């Protein structure tokens, strides 16, 4: 068993225990020797206090094999989840292969002086244990297209009949289009990720073109590629990440909703916040025929996900306290004044350093949640989102997003990943407390304080359960990325 397998197996068991899938917690025993969990084969694995998102985790020094964890999963699973359990087993296998491939190449990538996007891809996901799995991709495809390997590659191109284009589709900007490549007057030129070329070639009426003349590099999200430092291109991919149901294609309406969300956030942005430009896009009604050009501000851009990678923070200086203050000040303001909760996690946030200053960059906002009533009361026009799941007047639904995204992923995972526990807890707690103090006894501020600083436990997501293990018909989840079935200790409370 490799050290990487033991690491992954422990993370998988931690996640299953956190989500209490199949009432796994019933297998936890307590004795004079400590706390343990009984695996399918009868082995008792020692557990230790979990610290951040859960009560207990696999104790340091325990070496688990994936087969032991997956056998235990199969034993506790509902028979109706057989397909999901098998899919998760494959997800684990692919994650392990991707990790071992990364371990083999990491030194060479680091020696070449990688970008911040590549460094961000070195960090594991703070919650989802098999985030390295890009389902269906081969090792060769990972090496050619995944950000942790720092590749560059040429885009493919397609001629798409104009009658297929959805309303609002733009022409591809000249600085993104390949020079000299032309299509018919009744066709539009679409960029195609090489991984999606086979799918695009199957679409009736679409011509996959020969020649590839624009070289790009993958960003942390993989389906978004860097054309230049200030111009990114979002493209659909035929794979899933963070669960089998999290397809990385682009559904009709998603890009329009992202543009509407951007327009809303520009009206509400603080001086220390900049919103990426996402107004130029096209969609041809097929999940693999879409593109969006993202315009970024001037300056050095560092993804927040990179801040936990060794060496990054020390190279930037003492930026973490200021980042947390800006993050909390703006997100609390959005929540209290406007009833808006962002799905802006460590991958969708970045720090921009320019002219001696630092600002918070926000991008990819098509997962936000907004209250029509609170927006209207503030004199803000309610966006006409195509996805009705983006609108709710339920303050607790908004708080769920704030806790699981802003607090857990954007703040705590970064702070606790970079600093000792006590110091990280104090930084996050003080930043949130200061932001809430500005609103006194406002009912929304009181609710958010009750759900965070004063809560006995903090809401968490059941990401594996909803993303892979259990069918949506059984979970009832309208959105697998907003399925809340678990809770953990409140790491903000003073010891």
Protein backbone atom coordinates (compact mmCIF):
# COMPACT_ATOMS: atom_id res chain seq x y z
CA UNK A 1 0.00 0.00 0.00
CA UNK A 2 1.40 3.38 -1.01
CA UNK A 3 1.44 6.36 1.39
CA UNK A 4 -0.88 8.14 -1.05
CA UNK A 5 -3.43 5.31 -0.85
CA UNK A 6 -3.37 5.46 2.95
CA UNK A 7 -3.89 9.23 2.80
CA UNK A 8 -6.80 8.93 0.37
CA UNK A 9 -8.42 6.03 2.22
CA UNK A 10 -8.38 7.99 5.48
CA UNK A 11 -9.91 11.04 3.80
CA UNK A 12 -12.65 8.91 2.23
CA UNK A 13 -13.52 7.28 5.55
CA UNK A 14 -13.49 10.70 7.24
CA UNK A 15 -15.96 12.02 4.65
CA UNK A 16 -18.28 9.02 4.94
CA UNK A 17 -18.26 9.37 8.72
CA UNK A 18 -18.87 13.13 8.51
CA UNK A 19 -21.88 12.57 6.25
CA UNK A 20 -22.91 9.55 8.37
CA UNK A 21 -23.75 7.65 5.22
CA UNK A 22 -25.53 4.38 6.03
CA UNK A 23 -25.48 5.33 9.73
CA UNK A 24 -21.75 4.70 9.77
CA UNK A 25 -21.60 6.43 13.16
CA UNK A 26 -23.32 3.37 14.65
CA UNK A 27 -20.01 1.56 14.17
CA UNK A 28 -18.16 4.04 16.39
CA UNK A 29 -17.24 2.57 19.77
CA UNK A 30 -15.83 4.18 22.89
CA UNK A 31 -13.70 2.42 25.47
CA UNK A 32 -10.85 3.05 27.90
CA UNK A 33 -8.52 2.68 24.92
CA UNK A 34 -10.20 5.54 23.06
CA UNK A 35 -12.61 5.94 20.17
CA UNK A 36 -12.66 3.56 17.22
CA UNK A 37 -14.67 2.58 14.16
CA UNK A 38 -15.31 -1.05 13.23
CA UNK A 39 -14.61 -1.82 9.57
CA UNK A 40 -16.29 -4.52 7.51
CA UNK A 41 -13.52 -7.03 8.22
CA UNK A 42 -13.71 -6.48 11.97
CA UNK A 43 -10.66 -4.24 12.24
CA UNK A 44 -11.10 -1.31 14.62
CA UNK A 45 -9.62 1.93 13.30
CA UNK A 46 -8.61 4.47 15.92
CA UNK A 47 -10.31 7.87 15.68
CA UNK A 48 -9.16 11.24 16.99
CA UNK A 49 -11.03 14.55 17.53
CA UNK A 50 -11.62 16.04 14.07
CA UNK A 51 -11.04 19.71 14.78
CA UNK A 52 -12.52 21.54 11.82
CA UNK A 53 -15.52 20.07 9.99
CA UNK A 54 -16.31 16.94 12.00
CA UNK A 55 -16.14 15.40 15.45
CA UNK A 56 -13.76 12.53 14.69
CA UNK A 57 -11.29 11.61 11.95
CA UNK A 58 -9.01 8.66 11.35
CA UNK A 59 -6.16 8.96 13.85
CA UNK A 60 -2.66 9.77 12.68
CA UNK A 61 -0.61 6.63 12.22
CA UNK A 62 -3.53 4.45 11.10
CA UNK A 63 -2.82 2.97 7.65
CA UNK A 64 -5.95 2.09 5.73
CA UNK A 65 -6.35 0.44 2.34
CA UNK A 66 -9.05 1.71 0.01
CA UNK A 67 -10.47 -1.82 -0.27
CA UNK A 68 -11.13 -1.82 3.50
CA UNK A 69 -13.00 1.48 3.34
CA UNK A 70 -14.97 0.53 0.23
CA UNK A 71 -15.89 -2.85 1.73
CA UNK A 72 -17.25 -1.03 4.77
CA UNK A 73 -19.15 1.36 2.52
CA UNK A 74 -20.71 -1.57 0.66
CA UNK A 75 -21.71 -3.20 3.94
CA UNK A 76 -23.56 -0.14 5.31
CA UNK A 77 -25.07 0.97 1.99
CA UNK A 78 -28.74 0.75 1.17
CA UNK A 79 -29.25 -1.82 -1.64
CA UNK A 80 -30.90 0.95 -3.67
CA UNK A 81 -27.54 2.73 -3.75
CA UNK A 82 -25.65 -0.12 -5.40
CA UNK A 83 -24.98 1.82 -8.59
CA UNK A 84 -23.76 4.84 -6.65
CA UNK A 85 -21.49 2.72 -4.44
CA UNK A 86 -19.90 1.13 -7.51
CA UNK A 87 -19.47 4.56 -9.10
CA UNK A 88 -17.79 5.88 -5.98
CA UNK A 89 -15.41 2.93 -5.95
CA UNK A 90 -14.32 3.87 -9.47
CA UNK A 91 -14.07 7.51 -8.38
CA UNK A 92 -11.67 6.47 -5.61
CA UNK A 93 -9.57 4.42 -8.02
CA UNK A 94 -9.31 7.31 -10.46
CA UNK A 95 -8.45 9.76 -7.68
CA UNK A 96 -5.65 7.49 -6.49
CA UNK A 97 -4.23 7.15 -10.01
CA UNK A 98 -4.36 10.93 -10.46
CA UNK A 99 -2.65 11.54 -7.11
CA UNK A 100 0.14 9.06 -7.81
CA UNK A 101 0.66 10.58 -11.25
CA UNK A 102 0.87 14.01 -9.62
CA UNK A 103 3.33 12.76 -7.00
CA UNK A 104 5.58 11.41 -9.76
CA UNK A 105 5.60 14.74 -11.64
CA UNK A 106 5.36 17.34 -8.86
CA UNK A 107 9.08 17.96 -8.44
CA UNK A 108 9.57 18.59 -12.15
CA UNK A 109 6.59 20.95 -12.28
CA UNK A 110 7.85 22.92 -9.28
CA UNK A 111 11.35 23.13 -10.72
CA UNK A 112 9.94 24.80 -13.83
CA UNK A 113 8.51 27.74 -11.85
CA UNK A 114 4.76 27.10 -12.08
CA UNK A 115 2.02 29.73 -12.23
CA UNK A 116 -0.23 30.44 -9.25
CA UNK A 117 -3.03 28.55 -11.04
CA UNK A 118 -0.81 25.46 -11.21
CA UNK A 119 0.24 25.85 -7.59
CA UNK A 120 -3.41 26.11 -6.56
CA UNK A 121 -4.00 22.74 -8.22
CA UNK A 122 -1.40 21.21 -5.88
CA UNK A 123 -3.77 21.74 -2.93
CA UNK A 124 -6.32 19.05 -2.13
CA UNK A 125 -9.99 19.95 -1.79
CA UNK A 126 -10.72 20.79 1.86
CA UNK A 127 -13.87 18.64 2.03
CA UNK A 128 -14.33 16.36 -0.98
CA UNK A 129 -11.81 13.48 -0.71
CA UNK A 130 -11.70 12.33 -4.34
CA UNK A 131 -11.49 15.75 -5.98
CA UNK A 132 -8.51 14.55 -8.05
CA UNK A 133 -10.78 12.22 -10.00
CA UNK A 134 -11.81 13.57 -13.40
CA UNK A 135 -14.10 10.76 -14.36
CA UNK A 136 -13.43 9.07 -17.68
CA UNK A 137 -10.07 10.70 -18.40
CA UNK A 138 -6.94 8.65 -19.06
CA UNK A 139 -3.52 9.28 -17.54
CA UNK A 140 -2.38 10.70 -20.85
CA UNK A 141 -5.31 13.11 -20.91
CA UNK A 142 -4.59 14.24 -17.35
CA UNK A 143 -0.96 14.94 -18.24
CA UNK A 144 -2.04 16.87 -21.33
CA UNK A 145 -4.87 18.93 -19.84
CA UNK A 146 -4.95 18.97 -16.00
CA UNK A 147 -3.59 22.11 -14.28
CA UNK A 148 -1.35 20.36 -11.75
CA UNK A 149 0.89 19.21 -14.61
CA UNK A 150 1.27 22.74 -16.06
CA UNK A 151 0.62 21.74 -19.68
CA UNK A 152 -0.12 23.97 -22.64
CA UNK A 153 -2.13 22.85 -25.64
CA UNK A 154 -3.95 24.08 -28.71
CA UNK A 155 -7.71 24.51 -28.86
CA UNK A 156 -9.89 22.85 -31.46
CA UNK A 157 -12.53 24.81 -33.41
CA UNK A 158 -15.99 24.17 -34.81
CA UNK A 159 -18.30 25.84 -37.30
CA UNK A 160 -21.79 26.01 -35.77
CA UNK A 161 -24.93 26.85 -37.80
CA UNK A 162 -26.22 30.23 -36.65
CA UNK A 163 -29.83 29.04 -36.29
CA UNK A 164 -28.60 26.84 -33.42
CA UNK A 165 -27.39 29.82 -31.36
CA UNK A 166 -29.36 30.84 -28.31
CA UNK A 167 -30.55 34.42 -27.98
CA UNK A 168 -27.87 36.65 -26.52
CA UNK A 169 -24.99 34.71 -28.05
CA UNK A 170 -22.07 36.96 -28.96
CA UNK A 171 -19.49 36.83 -31.71
CA UNK A 172 -16.17 35.41 -30.60
CA UNK A 173 -13.85 38.35 -29.78
CA UNK A 174 -11.00 38.91 -32.21
CA UNK A 175 -8.34 38.56 -29.51
CA UNK A 176 -9.53 35.01 -28.80
CA UNK A 177 -10.30 33.81 -32.34
CA UNK A 178 -7.51 32.15 -34.34
CA UNK A 179 -6.10 34.48 -37.01
CA UNK A 180 -7.07 33.57 -40.54
CA UNK A 181 -9.65 30.92 -39.66
CA UNK A 182 -12.96 31.58 -41.43
CA UNK A 183 -16.36 29.93 -41.51
CA UNK A 184 -19.42 30.39 -43.70
CA UNK A 185 -21.68 33.44 -43.41
CA UNK A 186 -24.37 31.26 -41.88
CA UNK A 187 -21.97 29.74 -39.34
CA UNK A 188 -20.38 30.90 -36.08
CA UNK A 189 -16.89 29.98 -34.93
CA UNK A 190 -16.80 28.13 -31.60
CA UNK A 191 -13.72 27.17 -29.58
CA UNK A 192 -13.70 23.52 -28.49
CA UNK A 193 -11.62 21.93 -25.77
CA UNK A 194 -9.68 18.98 -27.26
CA UNK A 195 -11.31 16.65 -24.72
CA UNK A 196 -14.75 17.62 -26.06
CA UNK A 197 -13.87 17.37 -29.76
CA UNK A 198 -15.22 13.83 -30.12
CA UNK A 199 -18.57 14.84 -28.60
CA UNK A 200 -18.81 17.97 -30.77
CA UNK A 201 -18.08 15.95 -33.91
CA UNK A 202 -21.24 13.90 -33.25
CA UNK A 203 -23.59 16.93 -33.25
CA UNK A 204 -25.69 17.22 -36.41
CA UNK A 205 -24.87 20.22 -38.58
CA UNK A 206 -21.67 21.12 -36.73
CA UNK A 207 -18.32 20.95 -38.53
CA UNK A 208 -15.22 20.20 -36.48
CA UNK A 209 -12.46 22.15 -38.20
CA UNK A 210 -8.89 21.12 -38.93
CA UNK A 211 -6.12 23.22 -37.51
CA UNK A 212 -5.52 24.55 -34.02
CA UNK A 213 -3.83 27.90 -33.73
CA UNK A 214 -4.50 29.24 -30.25
CA UNK A 215 -2.33 27.89 -27.43
CA UNK A 216 -3.82 27.92 -23.92
CA UNK A 217 -3.06 26.71 -20.42
CA UNK A 218 -5.54 25.17 -17.97
CA UNK A 219 -6.55 27.11 -14.88
CA UNK A 220 -7.43 25.51 -11.56
CA UNK A 221 -10.95 24.71 -12.75
CA UNK A 222 -9.57 22.82 -15.81
CA UNK A 223 -12.53 23.64 -18.04
CA UNK A 224 -11.46 27.28 -17.95
CA UNK A 225 -8.27 27.93 -19.90
CA UNK A 226 -5.93 30.91 -19.96
CA UNK A 227 -5.54 32.61 -23.34
CA UNK A 228 -3.59 35.50 -21.79
CA UNK A 229 -3.08 36.58 -18.19
CA UNK A 230 -6.18 38.79 -18.38
CA UNK A 231 -8.34 36.70 -20.74
CA UNK A 232 -9.74 33.31 -19.79
CA UNK A 233 -12.07 31.08 -21.79
CA UNK A 234 -14.62 28.78 -20.16
CA UNK A 235 -15.45 25.66 -22.18
CA UNK A 236 -17.49 22.52 -21.51
CA UNK A 237 -15.71 19.26 -20.70
CA UNK A 238 -17.00 15.66 -20.97
CA UNK A 239 -16.10 14.71 -17.41
CA UNK A 240 -17.34 14.97 -13.84
CA UNK A 241 -15.57 16.28 -10.75
CA UNK A 242 -16.64 16.44 -7.10
CA UNK A 243 -19.13 13.66 -7.75
CA UNK A 244 -20.48 11.71 -10.69
CA UNK A 245 -23.49 14.05 -10.96
CA UNK A 246 -21.31 17.17 -11.21
CA UNK A 247 -20.88 17.16 -14.96
CA UNK A 248 -18.50 19.78 -16.35
CA UNK A 249 -20.57 20.41 -19.45
CA UNK A 250 -22.40 23.75 -19.71
CA UNK A 251 -26.19 23.64 -19.71
CA UNK A 252 -28.29 26.17 -21.66
CA UNK A 253 -29.05 29.17 -19.49
CA UNK A 254 -26.01 28.83 -17.23
CA UNK A 255 -23.88 31.45 -18.98
CA UNK A 256 -26.78 33.90 -19.17
CA UNK A 257 -27.38 33.48 -15.44
CA UNK A 258 -23.69 34.02 -14.77
CA UNK A 259 -23.83 37.31 -16.70
CA UNK A 260 -26.95 38.38 -14.77
CA UNK A 261 -25.23 37.52 -11.49
CA UNK A 262 -22.18 39.53 -12.51
CA UNK A 263 -24.33 42.58 -13.28
CA UNK A 264 -26.02 42.29 -9.89
CA UNK A 265 -22.72 41.98 -8.01
CA UNK A 266 -21.19 44.94 -9.83
CA UNK A 267 -23.98 47.08 -8.35
CA UNK A 268 -23.25 45.72 -4.89
CA UNK A 269 -19.44 45.51 -4.92
CA UNK A 270 -17.26 47.17 -2.30
CA UNK A 271 -14.25 49.28 -3.31
CA UNK A 272 -11.96 46.40 -2.33
CA UNK A 273 -13.86 43.91 -4.49
CA UNK A 274 -13.61 43.48 -8.26
CA UNK A 275 -16.00 41.31 -10.27
CA UNK A 276 -14.64 39.50 -13.32
CA UNK A 277 -16.24 40.38 -16.66
CA UNK A 278 -18.39 37.49 -17.90
CA UNK A 279 -20.76 39.20 -20.35
CA UNK A 280 -19.37 37.75 -23.60
CA UNK A 281 -20.57 34.22 -24.29
CA UNK A 282 -22.40 31.97 -26.72
CA UNK A 283 -24.41 28.77 -26.44
CA UNK A 284 -25.78 26.59 -29.22
CA UNK A 285 -28.32 24.65 -27.17
CA UNK A 286 -26.04 21.65 -26.63
CA UNK A 287 -24.11 20.95 -23.44
CA UNK A 288 -20.81 20.75 -25.36
CA UNK A 289 -21.36 23.78 -27.60
CA UNK A 290 -20.71 26.81 -25.41
CA UNK A 291 -18.02 29.31 -24.52
CA UNK A 292 -17.57 32.30 -22.25
CA UNK A 293 -14.77 34.87 -22.30
CA UNK A 294 -13.75 36.06 -18.84
CA UNK A 295 -11.99 39.42 -18.57
CA UNK A 296 -9.73 39.93 -15.58
CA UNK A 297 -8.26 43.09 -14.03
CA UNK A 298 -4.66 44.19 -14.29
CA UNK A 299 -2.24 42.92 -11.69
CA UNK A 300 -0.86 39.71 -10.26
CA UNK A 301 -3.75 37.31 -9.62
CA UNK A 302 -3.42 34.64 -6.94
CA UNK A 303 -6.25 32.09 -6.54
CA UNK A 304 -7.33 31.82 -2.92
CA UNK A 305 -6.91 28.04 -3.21
CA UNK A 306 -3.16 28.61 -3.63
CA UNK A 307 -2.81 30.27 -0.23
CA UNK A 308 -2.53 26.92 1.58
CA UNK A 309 0.27 25.67 -0.69
CA UNK A 310 3.65 25.84 1.08
CA UNK A 311 5.60 28.95 0.19
CA UNK A 312 2.78 30.96 -1.37
CA UNK A 313 1.70 33.00 1.65
CA UNK A 314 5.26 33.66 2.75
CA UNK A 315 5.97 35.07 -0.69
CA UNK A 316 2.97 37.41 -0.54
CA UNK A 317 3.45 38.81 2.94
CA UNK A 318 0.90 39.16 5.73
CA UNK A 319 -2.17 39.22 3.47
CA UNK A 320 -4.36 36.64 5.22
CA UNK A 321 -5.86 38.94 7.90
CA UNK A 322 -6.77 41.55 5.30
CA UNK A 323 -8.21 38.93 2.95
CA UNK A 324 -10.47 37.61 5.71
CA UNK A 325 -11.65 41.11 6.66
CA UNK A 326 -12.52 42.00 3.06
CA UNK A 327 -14.18 38.61 2.50
CA UNK A 328 -16.34 38.84 5.61
CA UNK A 329 -17.16 42.53 5.32
CA UNK A 330 -18.51 42.16 1.78
CA UNK A 331 -20.27 38.83 2.20
CA UNK A 332 -21.95 39.90 5.45
CA UNK A 333 -23.09 43.10 3.74
CA UNK A 334 -24.52 41.11 0.83
CA UNK A 335 -26.33 38.78 3.23
CA UNK A 336 -27.73 41.36 5.64
CA UNK A 337 -28.63 44.22 3.30
CA UNK A 338 -29.58 42.38 0.14
CA UNK A 339 -30.23 38.74 0.99
CA UNK A 340 -27.46 37.50 -1.31
CA UNK A 341 -25.22 34.52 -0.54
CA UNK A 342 -22.36 33.75 -2.89
CA UNK A 343 -21.18 30.32 -3.94
CA UNK A 344 -17.70 31.87 -4.12
CA UNK A 345 -15.36 29.26 -2.69
CA UNK A 346 -11.58 29.01 -2.77
CA UNK A 347 -11.56 28.25 -6.52
CA UNK A 348 -13.80 31.19 -7.51
CA UNK A 349 -11.96 33.79 -5.44
CA UNK A 350 -8.56 35.36 -6.02
CA UNK A 351 -6.39 38.15 -4.69
CA UNK A 352 -5.34 40.85 -7.14
CA UNK A 353 -2.15 42.76 -6.39
CA UNK A 354 -1.70 45.97 -8.38
CA UNK A 355 -0.05 49.34 -7.73
CA UNK A 356 0.76 48.40 -4.16
CA UNK A 357 -2.83 47.47 -3.31
CA UNK A 358 -4.81 44.26 -2.90
CA UNK A 359 -8.40 43.57 -3.97
CA UNK A 360 -10.64 40.52 -3.86
CA UNK A 361 -11.59 39.11 -7.27
CA UNK A 362 -14.89 37.25 -7.62
CA UNK A 363 -15.79 35.14 -10.66
CA UNK A 364 -18.11 32.37 -11.86
CA UNK A 365 -21.18 33.45 -9.88
CA UNK A 366 -23.92 31.33 -11.47
CA UNK A 367 -24.41 29.43 -8.20
CA UNK A 368 -25.34 32.36 -5.96
CA UNK A 369 -28.58 32.53 -3.99
CA UNK A 370 -30.58 35.76 -3.77
CA UNK A 371 -33.74 36.93 -2.00
CA UNK A 372 -36.19 38.70 -4.36
CA UNK A 373 -37.95 40.36 -1.44
CA UNK A 374 -34.80 41.79 0.11
CA UNK A 375 -33.40 42.95 -3.23
CA UNK A 376 -36.67 44.69 -4.05
CA UNK A 377 -36.78 46.31 -0.61
CA UNK A 378 -33.30 47.70 -1.26
CA UNK A 379 -34.39 49.13 -4.61
CA UNK A 380 -32.42 46.56 -6.61
CA UNK A 381 -34.00 44.99 -9.68
CA UNK A 382 -34.36 41.24 -9.23
CA UNK A 383 -32.39 39.39 -11.93
CA UNK A 384 -34.46 37.25 -14.29
CA UNK A 385 -32.48 34.09 -13.60
CA UNK A 386 -33.36 31.17 -15.85
CA UNK A 387 -32.51 28.81 -12.99
CA UNK A 388 -35.24 29.40 -10.42
CA UNK A 389 -33.11 27.68 -7.77
CA UNK A 390 -31.01 30.87 -7.57
CA UNK A 391 -33.89 32.76 -5.91
CA UNK A 392 -35.27 32.23 -2.42
CA UNK A 393 -36.68 34.32 0.41
CA UNK A 394 -35.76 31.69 3.01
CA UNK A 395 -33.07 33.30 5.21
CA UNK A 396 -31.93 29.91 6.49
CA UNK A 397 -31.31 28.69 2.94
CA UNK A 398 -29.16 31.79 2.44
CA UNK A 399 -27.37 31.08 5.73
CA UNK A 400 -26.66 27.50 4.63
CA UNK A 401 -24.75 28.84 1.62
CA UNK A 402 -22.91 31.42 3.72
CA UNK A 403 -21.82 28.82 6.28
CA UNK A 404 -20.81 26.05 3.88
CA UNK A 405 -19.14 28.24 1.25
CA UNK A 406 -18.04 31.61 2.65
CA UNK A 407 -17.24 30.43 6.16
CA UNK A 408 -16.08 26.82 5.64
CA UNK A 409 -14.33 26.96 2.27
CA UNK A 410 -13.38 30.57 1.57
CA UNK A 411 -12.36 31.44 5.14
CA UNK A 412 -11.79 28.51 7.50
CA UNK A 413 -10.22 26.03 5.07
CA UNK A 414 -7.71 28.69 4.02
CA UNK A 415 -6.93 30.01 7.50
CA UNK A 416 -6.69 26.61 9.17
CA UNK A 417 -4.67 25.28 6.24
CA UNK A 418 -2.10 28.03 6.67
CA UNK A 419 -1.97 28.71 10.42
CA UNK A 420 -2.09 26.89 13.78
CA UNK A 421 -5.62 26.09 14.95
CA UNK A 422 -5.93 28.71 17.70
CA UNK A 423 -4.52 31.52 15.54
CA UNK A 424 -6.69 30.59 12.55
CA UNK A 425 -9.85 30.39 14.67
CA UNK A 426 -9.18 33.82 16.15
CA UNK A 427 -8.59 35.42 12.74
CA UNK A 428 -11.78 34.03 11.21
CA UNK A 429 -13.88 34.69 14.31
CA UNK A 430 -12.69 38.27 14.68
CA UNK A 431 -13.21 39.08 10.99
CA UNK A 432 -16.78 37.74 11.07
CA UNK A 433 -17.59 39.35 14.43
CA UNK A 434 -16.34 42.74 13.22
CA UNK A 435 -18.38 42.49 10.02
CA UNK A 436 -21.57 41.58 11.91
CA UNK A 437 -21.08 44.29 14.53
CA UNK A 438 -21.63 46.93 11.85
CA UNK A 439 -25.31 45.84 11.60
CA UNK A 440 -26.16 45.72 15.30
CA UNK A 441 -29.56 44.18 15.94
CA UNK A 442 -30.63 43.89 12.31
CA UNK A 443 -32.69 40.66 12.12
CA UNK A 444 -30.58 39.23 9.30
CA UNK A 445 -27.39 40.01 11.22
CA UNK A 446 -28.81 38.36 14.35
CA UNK A 447 -29.77 35.29 12.32
CA UNK A 448 -26.32 35.01 10.77
CA UNK A 449 -24.64 35.46 14.15
CA UNK A 450 -26.86 32.71 15.58
CA UNK A 451 -25.96 30.39 12.70
CA UNK A 452 -22.21 31.06 12.98
CA UNK A 453 -20.54 32.61 16.03
CA UNK A 454 -23.17 31.48 18.54
CA UNK A 455 -24.13 28.13 17.02
CA UNK A 456 -23.43 24.93 18.93
CA UNK A 457 -22.70 23.21 15.61
CA UNK A 458 -22.15 24.38 12.04
CA UNK A 459 -24.05 23.14 8.99
CA UNK A 460 -22.16 21.02 6.48
CA UNK A 461 -22.80 19.51 3.08
CA UNK A 462 -23.24 15.83 2.28
CA UNK A 463 -21.29 16.05 -0.94
CA UNK A 464 -20.51 12.37 -1.56
CA UNK A 465 -24.04 11.33 -0.65
CA UNK A 466 -25.69 13.73 -3.10
CA UNK A 467 -22.92 13.85 -5.69
CA UNK A 468 -22.40 10.14 -6.27
CA UNK A 469 -23.84 7.67 -3.77
CA UNK A 470 -27.57 8.38 -3.68
CA UNK A 471 -29.87 9.18 -6.59
CA UNK A 472 -31.53 12.60 -6.60
CA UNK A 473 -34.91 10.89 -6.44
CA UNK A 474 -33.94 9.50 -3.04
CA UNK A 475 -32.14 12.53 -1.57
CA UNK A 476 -34.73 14.98 -2.86
CA UNK A 477 -31.89 17.41 -3.59
CA UNK A 478 -32.86 20.08 -6.11
CA UNK A 479 -29.17 20.92 -6.39
CA UNK A 480 -26.53 18.33 -5.46
CA UNK A 481 -24.19 21.19 -4.52
CA UNK A 482 -26.65 22.47 -1.91
CA UNK A 483 -27.54 19.29 -0.04
CA UNK A 484 -27.15 19.79 3.69
CA UNK A 485 -27.36 16.61 5.71
CA UNK A 486 -24.60 16.97 8.25
CA UNK A 487 -23.09 19.24 10.88
CA UNK A 488 -19.79 19.64 12.67
CA UNK A 489 -18.34 21.30 15.75
CA UNK A 490 -18.20 25.08 15.81
CA UNK A 491 -14.52 25.87 15.36
CA UNK A 492 -15.29 29.58 15.93
CA UNK A 493 -16.23 29.20 19.58
CA UNK A 494 -13.58 30.11 22.10
CA UNK A 495 -11.95 27.20 23.88
